């Protein structure tokens, strides 16, 4: 179930697109996927699975970059999508969970792309 959530949703093309782009998943769906992911990450096994899945952590990091850039952009200040703050909050909680597990934490998450 968790693997399907990540590979069939989070890594799917419509979830990889920047918010607002044609074909991008609606923000309410993105939020639900992130909420489910965060809840499942309460179990250490799922944390290890997410880190082990190729592209899983990177997809979440890219989603954070999209939403954070849009959130802090002067031009986009008045054009926040619905659920914008909630999506950023969910991703921050996921990163916090990953960082709290030092043995399984992908260090690229903490130091950025190399």
N, C-alpha and C. Protein backbone atom coordinates (compact mmCIF):
# COMPACT_ATOMS: atom_id res chain seq x y z
N UNK A 1 0.82 -1.18 0.00
CA UNK A 1 0.00 0.00 0.00
C UNK A 1 0.88 1.26 0.00
N UNK A 2 1.87 1.31 0.88
CA UNK A 2 2.73 2.48 0.97
C UNK A 2 3.52 2.68 -0.33
N UNK A 3 4.06 1.59 -0.83
CA UNK A 3 4.83 1.66 -2.07
C UNK A 3 3.95 2.17 -3.22
N UNK A 4 2.70 1.72 -3.28
CA UNK A 4 1.78 2.19 -4.31
C UNK A 4 1.47 3.67 -4.13
N UNK A 5 1.30 4.10 -2.89
CA UNK A 5 1.04 5.52 -2.60
C UNK A 5 2.18 6.38 -3.15
N UNK A 6 3.39 5.95 -2.95
CA UNK A 6 4.55 6.73 -3.40
C UNK A 6 4.74 6.62 -4.91
N UNK A 7 4.78 5.40 -5.42
CA UNK A 7 5.09 5.23 -6.84
C UNK A 7 3.94 5.62 -7.76
N UNK A 8 2.71 5.29 -7.38
CA UNK A 8 1.57 5.57 -8.27
C UNK A 8 0.97 6.95 -8.08
N UNK A 9 1.31 7.62 -7.02
CA UNK A 9 0.78 8.96 -6.80
C UNK A 9 1.92 9.98 -6.74
N UNK A 10 2.71 9.93 -5.69
CA UNK A 10 3.73 10.95 -5.47
C UNK A 10 4.73 11.05 -6.63
N UNK A 11 5.08 9.91 -7.22
CA UNK A 11 6.03 9.91 -8.33
C UNK A 11 5.35 9.99 -9.70
N UNK A 12 4.02 10.01 -9.73
CA UNK A 12 3.29 10.11 -11.00
C UNK A 12 3.51 11.49 -11.61
N UNK A 13 3.45 11.56 -12.92
CA UNK A 13 3.71 12.80 -13.64
C UNK A 13 2.84 13.95 -13.15
N UNK A 14 1.55 13.71 -12.95
CA UNK A 14 0.67 14.81 -12.54
C UNK A 14 1.02 15.37 -11.16
N UNK A 15 1.66 14.57 -10.32
CA UNK A 15 2.09 15.04 -9.00
C UNK A 15 3.48 15.66 -9.05
N UNK A 16 4.22 15.41 -10.12
CA UNK A 16 5.56 15.97 -10.28
C UNK A 16 5.51 17.38 -10.86
N UNK A 17 4.44 17.73 -11.54
CA UNK A 17 4.33 19.04 -12.17
C UNK A 17 4.17 20.14 -11.12
N UNK A 18 4.66 21.31 -11.47
CA UNK A 18 4.54 22.47 -10.58
C UNK A 18 3.07 22.83 -10.41
N UNK A 19 2.69 23.32 -9.24
CA UNK A 19 1.30 23.70 -9.02
C UNK A 19 0.85 24.76 -10.04
N UNK A 20 -0.34 24.56 -10.55
CA UNK A 20 -0.89 25.51 -11.51
C UNK A 20 -0.58 25.19 -12.96
N UNK A 21 0.34 24.27 -13.22
CA UNK A 21 0.67 23.89 -14.59
C UNK A 21 -0.44 23.00 -15.15
N UNK A 22 -0.65 23.05 -16.47
CA UNK A 22 -1.65 22.17 -17.07
C UNK A 22 -1.31 20.69 -16.80
N UNK A 23 -2.29 19.94 -16.35
CA UNK A 23 -2.09 18.52 -16.06
C UNK A 23 -1.61 18.23 -14.65
N UNK A 24 -1.31 19.27 -13.87
CA UNK A 24 -0.85 19.06 -12.49
C UNK A 24 -2.01 18.59 -11.62
N UNK A 25 -1.70 17.75 -10.67
CA UNK A 25 -2.71 17.26 -9.74
C UNK A 25 -3.30 18.43 -8.95
N UNK A 26 -4.60 18.39 -8.70
CA UNK A 26 -5.22 19.46 -7.91
C UNK A 26 -4.63 19.51 -6.49
N UNK A 27 -4.54 20.70 -5.91
CA UNK A 27 -3.93 20.85 -4.59
C UNK A 27 -4.58 19.99 -3.50
N UNK A 28 -5.90 19.78 -3.57
CA UNK A 28 -6.53 18.96 -2.53
C UNK A 28 -6.04 17.51 -2.60
N UNK A 29 -5.79 17.01 -3.80
CA UNK A 29 -5.24 15.65 -3.93
C UNK A 29 -3.81 15.59 -3.44
N UNK A 30 -3.02 16.59 -3.79
CA UNK A 30 -1.63 16.64 -3.32
C UNK A 30 -1.61 16.63 -1.79
N UNK A 31 -2.47 17.44 -1.19
CA UNK A 31 -2.54 17.50 0.27
C UNK A 31 -2.90 16.15 0.86
N UNK A 32 -3.90 15.48 0.30
CA UNK A 32 -4.29 14.15 0.84
C UNK A 32 -3.16 13.14 0.74
N UNK A 33 -2.45 13.13 -0.38
CA UNK A 33 -1.33 12.19 -0.54
C UNK A 33 -0.25 12.48 0.49
N UNK A 34 0.06 13.75 0.69
CA UNK A 34 1.07 14.11 1.68
C UNK A 34 0.62 13.80 3.10
N UNK A 35 -0.65 13.99 3.40
CA UNK A 35 -1.16 13.66 4.73
C UNK A 35 -1.06 12.16 5.00
N UNK A 36 -1.44 11.36 4.02
CA UNK A 36 -1.32 9.90 4.17
C UNK A 36 0.13 9.49 4.35
N UNK A 37 1.01 10.08 3.57
CA UNK A 37 2.44 9.77 3.68
C UNK A 37 2.95 10.11 5.07
N UNK A 38 2.62 11.31 5.54
CA UNK A 38 3.08 11.74 6.87
C UNK A 38 2.58 10.80 7.97
N UNK A 39 1.32 10.42 7.89
CA UNK A 39 0.76 9.53 8.91
C UNK A 39 1.45 8.17 8.91
N UNK A 40 1.71 7.63 7.72
CA UNK A 40 2.37 6.34 7.65
C UNK A 40 3.82 6.42 8.12
N UNK A 41 4.44 7.57 7.99
CA UNK A 41 5.84 7.72 8.41
C UNK A 41 6.00 7.70 9.93
N UNK A 42 4.92 7.60 10.65
CA UNK A 42 5.03 7.43 12.11
C UNK A 42 5.70 6.10 12.45
N UNK A 43 5.58 5.15 11.54
CA UNK A 43 6.22 3.85 11.71
C UNK A 43 7.59 3.88 11.03
N UNK A 44 8.59 3.48 11.75
CA UNK A 44 9.97 3.53 11.25
C UNK A 44 10.17 2.70 9.98
N UNK A 45 9.41 1.62 9.84
CA UNK A 45 9.53 0.79 8.64
C UNK A 45 9.21 1.61 7.39
N UNK A 46 8.17 2.44 7.47
CA UNK A 46 7.78 3.25 6.32
C UNK A 46 8.82 4.34 6.03
N UNK A 47 9.47 4.84 7.07
CA UNK A 47 10.55 5.81 6.86
C UNK A 47 11.65 5.17 6.03
N UNK A 48 12.05 3.96 6.41
CA UNK A 48 13.09 3.25 5.67
C UNK A 48 12.65 2.96 4.24
N UNK A 49 11.38 2.60 4.06
CA UNK A 49 10.84 2.35 2.72
C UNK A 49 10.89 3.59 1.85
N UNK A 50 10.50 4.72 2.41
CA UNK A 50 10.51 5.96 1.64
C UNK A 50 11.92 6.31 1.20
N UNK A 51 12.87 6.19 2.10
CA UNK A 51 14.26 6.50 1.78
C UNK A 51 14.80 5.52 0.73
N UNK A 52 14.38 4.27 0.82
CA UNK A 52 14.86 3.24 -0.11
C UNK A 52 14.25 3.38 -1.51
N UNK A 53 13.04 3.92 -1.60
CA UNK A 53 12.40 4.06 -2.91
C UNK A 53 13.12 5.12 -3.73
N UNK A 54 13.54 4.75 -4.91
CA UNK A 54 14.27 5.67 -5.78
C UNK A 54 13.40 6.85 -6.17
N UNK A 55 13.81 8.03 -5.76
CA UNK A 55 13.10 9.25 -6.12
C UNK A 55 12.04 9.69 -5.14
N UNK A 56 11.74 8.91 -4.12
CA UNK A 56 10.68 9.26 -3.18
C UNK A 56 10.96 10.54 -2.41
N UNK A 57 12.11 10.61 -1.77
CA UNK A 57 12.48 11.79 -0.99
C UNK A 57 12.70 12.98 -1.92
N UNK A 58 13.30 12.72 -3.07
CA UNK A 58 13.55 13.81 -4.03
C UNK A 58 12.25 14.41 -4.54
N UNK A 59 11.23 13.58 -4.74
CA UNK A 59 9.93 14.08 -5.21
C UNK A 59 9.29 14.99 -4.17
N UNK A 60 9.40 14.62 -2.91
CA UNK A 60 8.86 15.45 -1.83
C UNK A 60 9.65 16.76 -1.74
N UNK A 61 10.96 16.67 -1.87
CA UNK A 61 11.80 17.88 -1.82
C UNK A 61 11.46 18.82 -2.98
N UNK A 62 11.25 18.27 -4.15
CA UNK A 62 10.90 19.10 -5.31
C UNK A 62 9.54 19.76 -5.12
N UNK A 63 8.60 19.02 -4.57
CA UNK A 63 7.28 19.59 -4.29
C UNK A 63 7.42 20.75 -3.30
N UNK A 64 8.28 20.58 -2.31
CA UNK A 64 8.52 21.65 -1.34
C UNK A 64 9.11 22.88 -2.04
N UNK A 65 10.08 22.64 -2.93
CA UNK A 65 10.69 23.76 -3.66
C UNK A 65 9.64 24.54 -4.46
N UNK A 66 8.76 23.83 -5.15
CA UNK A 66 7.72 24.48 -5.94
C UNK A 66 6.84 25.37 -5.07
N UNK A 67 6.32 24.77 -4.00
CA UNK A 67 5.38 25.50 -3.15
C UNK A 67 6.06 26.61 -2.35
N UNK A 68 7.29 26.37 -1.88
CA UNK A 68 8.01 27.40 -1.11
C UNK A 68 8.36 28.58 -2.01
N UNK A 69 8.82 28.29 -3.23
CA UNK A 69 9.16 29.38 -4.15
C UNK A 69 7.92 30.22 -4.46
N UNK A 70 6.82 29.55 -4.65
CA UNK A 70 5.58 30.27 -4.95
C UNK A 70 5.11 31.06 -3.72
N UNK A 71 5.28 30.48 -2.55
CA UNK A 71 4.85 31.12 -1.31
C UNK A 71 5.63 32.41 -1.05
N UNK A 72 6.93 32.38 -1.31
CA UNK A 72 7.77 33.53 -1.00
C UNK A 72 8.01 34.47 -2.18
N UNK A 73 7.41 34.17 -3.30
CA UNK A 73 7.55 35.00 -4.49
C UNK A 73 6.69 36.26 -4.35
N UNK A 74 7.28 37.40 -4.63
CA UNK A 74 6.55 38.66 -4.57
C UNK A 74 5.44 38.67 -5.62
N UNK A 75 5.73 38.18 -6.82
CA UNK A 75 4.74 38.18 -7.89
C UNK A 75 3.55 37.27 -7.57
N UNK A 76 3.81 36.20 -6.85
CA UNK A 76 2.77 35.21 -6.56
C UNK A 76 2.12 35.41 -5.19
N UNK A 77 2.46 36.49 -4.50
CA UNK A 77 1.99 36.69 -3.12
C UNK A 77 0.48 36.62 -2.98
N UNK A 78 -0.23 37.06 -4.00
CA UNK A 78 -1.69 37.06 -3.91
C UNK A 78 -2.34 35.91 -4.66
N UNK A 79 -1.52 35.00 -5.21
CA UNK A 79 -2.06 33.94 -6.05
C UNK A 79 -1.85 32.57 -5.42
N UNK A 80 -1.88 32.49 -4.11
CA UNK A 80 -1.69 31.20 -3.46
C UNK A 80 -2.84 30.26 -3.82
N UNK A 81 -2.49 29.03 -4.10
CA UNK A 81 -3.49 28.03 -4.41
C UNK A 81 -4.19 27.60 -3.13
N UNK A 82 -5.38 27.04 -3.26
CA UNK A 82 -6.02 26.49 -2.06
C UNK A 82 -5.11 25.42 -1.45
N UNK A 83 -5.10 25.34 -0.17
CA UNK A 83 -4.33 24.34 0.59
C UNK A 83 -2.82 24.59 0.53
N UNK A 84 -2.41 25.74 0.04
CA UNK A 84 -1.00 26.05 -0.14
C UNK A 84 -0.21 25.91 1.18
N UNK A 85 -0.65 26.61 2.21
CA UNK A 85 0.05 26.56 3.50
C UNK A 85 0.00 25.17 4.11
N UNK A 86 -1.11 24.48 3.94
CA UNK A 86 -1.24 23.13 4.49
C UNK A 86 -0.27 22.16 3.82
N UNK A 87 -0.08 22.32 2.51
CA UNK A 87 0.85 21.45 1.77
C UNK A 87 2.27 21.70 2.27
N UNK A 88 2.65 22.95 2.41
CA UNK A 88 3.99 23.25 2.94
C UNK A 88 4.17 22.69 4.35
N UNK A 89 3.15 22.79 5.16
CA UNK A 89 3.22 22.27 6.53
C UNK A 89 3.39 20.75 6.54
N UNK A 90 2.64 20.07 5.70
CA UNK A 90 2.76 18.60 5.63
C UNK A 90 4.16 18.18 5.20
N UNK A 91 4.70 18.86 4.19
CA UNK A 91 6.04 18.52 3.72
C UNK A 91 7.07 18.80 4.80
N UNK A 92 6.93 19.93 5.50
CA UNK A 92 7.85 20.24 6.59
C UNK A 92 7.79 19.16 7.68
N UNK A 93 6.60 18.66 7.97
CA UNK A 93 6.45 17.59 8.96
C UNK A 93 7.12 16.30 8.49
N UNK A 94 7.01 16.02 7.20
CA UNK A 94 7.66 14.83 6.64
C UNK A 94 9.18 14.98 6.77
N UNK A 95 9.71 16.15 6.41
CA UNK A 95 11.15 16.38 6.54
C UNK A 95 11.61 16.26 7.99
N UNK A 96 10.81 16.78 8.89
CA UNK A 96 11.14 16.70 10.32
C UNK A 96 11.22 15.24 10.76
N UNK A 97 10.29 14.43 10.30
CA UNK A 97 10.30 13.01 10.64
C UNK A 97 11.53 12.33 10.06
N UNK A 98 11.86 12.62 8.82
CA UNK A 98 13.04 12.02 8.20
C UNK A 98 14.31 12.44 8.92
N UNK A 99 14.40 13.71 9.29
CA UNK A 99 15.60 14.21 9.97
C UNK A 99 15.73 13.67 11.38
N UNK A 100 14.62 13.32 12.01
CA UNK A 100 14.68 12.81 13.38
C UNK A 100 15.24 11.40 13.45
N UNK A 101 15.20 10.69 12.33
CA UNK A 101 15.75 9.33 12.28
C UNK A 101 17.14 9.42 11.65
N UNK A 102 18.13 9.74 12.47
CA UNK A 102 19.47 10.00 11.96
C UNK A 102 20.05 8.80 11.21
N UNK A 103 19.71 7.60 11.60
CA UNK A 103 20.28 6.43 10.94
C UNK A 103 19.74 6.25 9.52
N UNK A 104 18.51 6.68 9.28
CA UNK A 104 17.93 6.50 7.96
C UNK A 104 17.74 7.77 7.19
N UNK A 105 18.18 8.88 7.76
CA UNK A 105 17.97 10.18 7.12
C UNK A 105 18.82 10.33 5.88
N UNK A 106 18.21 10.67 4.76
CA UNK A 106 19.01 10.93 3.57
C UNK A 106 19.71 12.28 3.73
N UNK A 107 21.01 12.28 3.84
CA UNK A 107 21.77 13.49 4.16
C UNK A 107 21.61 14.57 3.11
N UNK A 108 21.31 14.17 1.87
CA UNK A 108 21.11 15.18 0.83
C UNK A 108 19.92 16.07 1.16
N UNK A 109 18.99 15.55 1.97
CA UNK A 109 17.84 16.34 2.40
C UNK A 109 18.29 17.49 3.28
N UNK A 110 19.29 17.25 4.10
CA UNK A 110 19.73 18.26 5.05
C UNK A 110 20.76 19.23 4.47
N UNK A 111 21.55 18.76 3.52
CA UNK A 111 22.61 19.62 2.98
C UNK A 111 22.31 20.13 1.58
N UNK A 112 21.26 19.65 0.97
CA UNK A 112 20.89 20.12 -0.36
C UNK A 112 21.59 19.34 -1.45
N UNK A 113 21.22 19.61 -2.70
CA UNK A 113 21.83 18.87 -3.81
C UNK A 113 23.32 19.18 -3.92
N UNK A 114 24.05 18.17 -4.27
CA UNK A 114 25.48 18.28 -4.27
C UNK A 114 26.08 18.79 -5.49
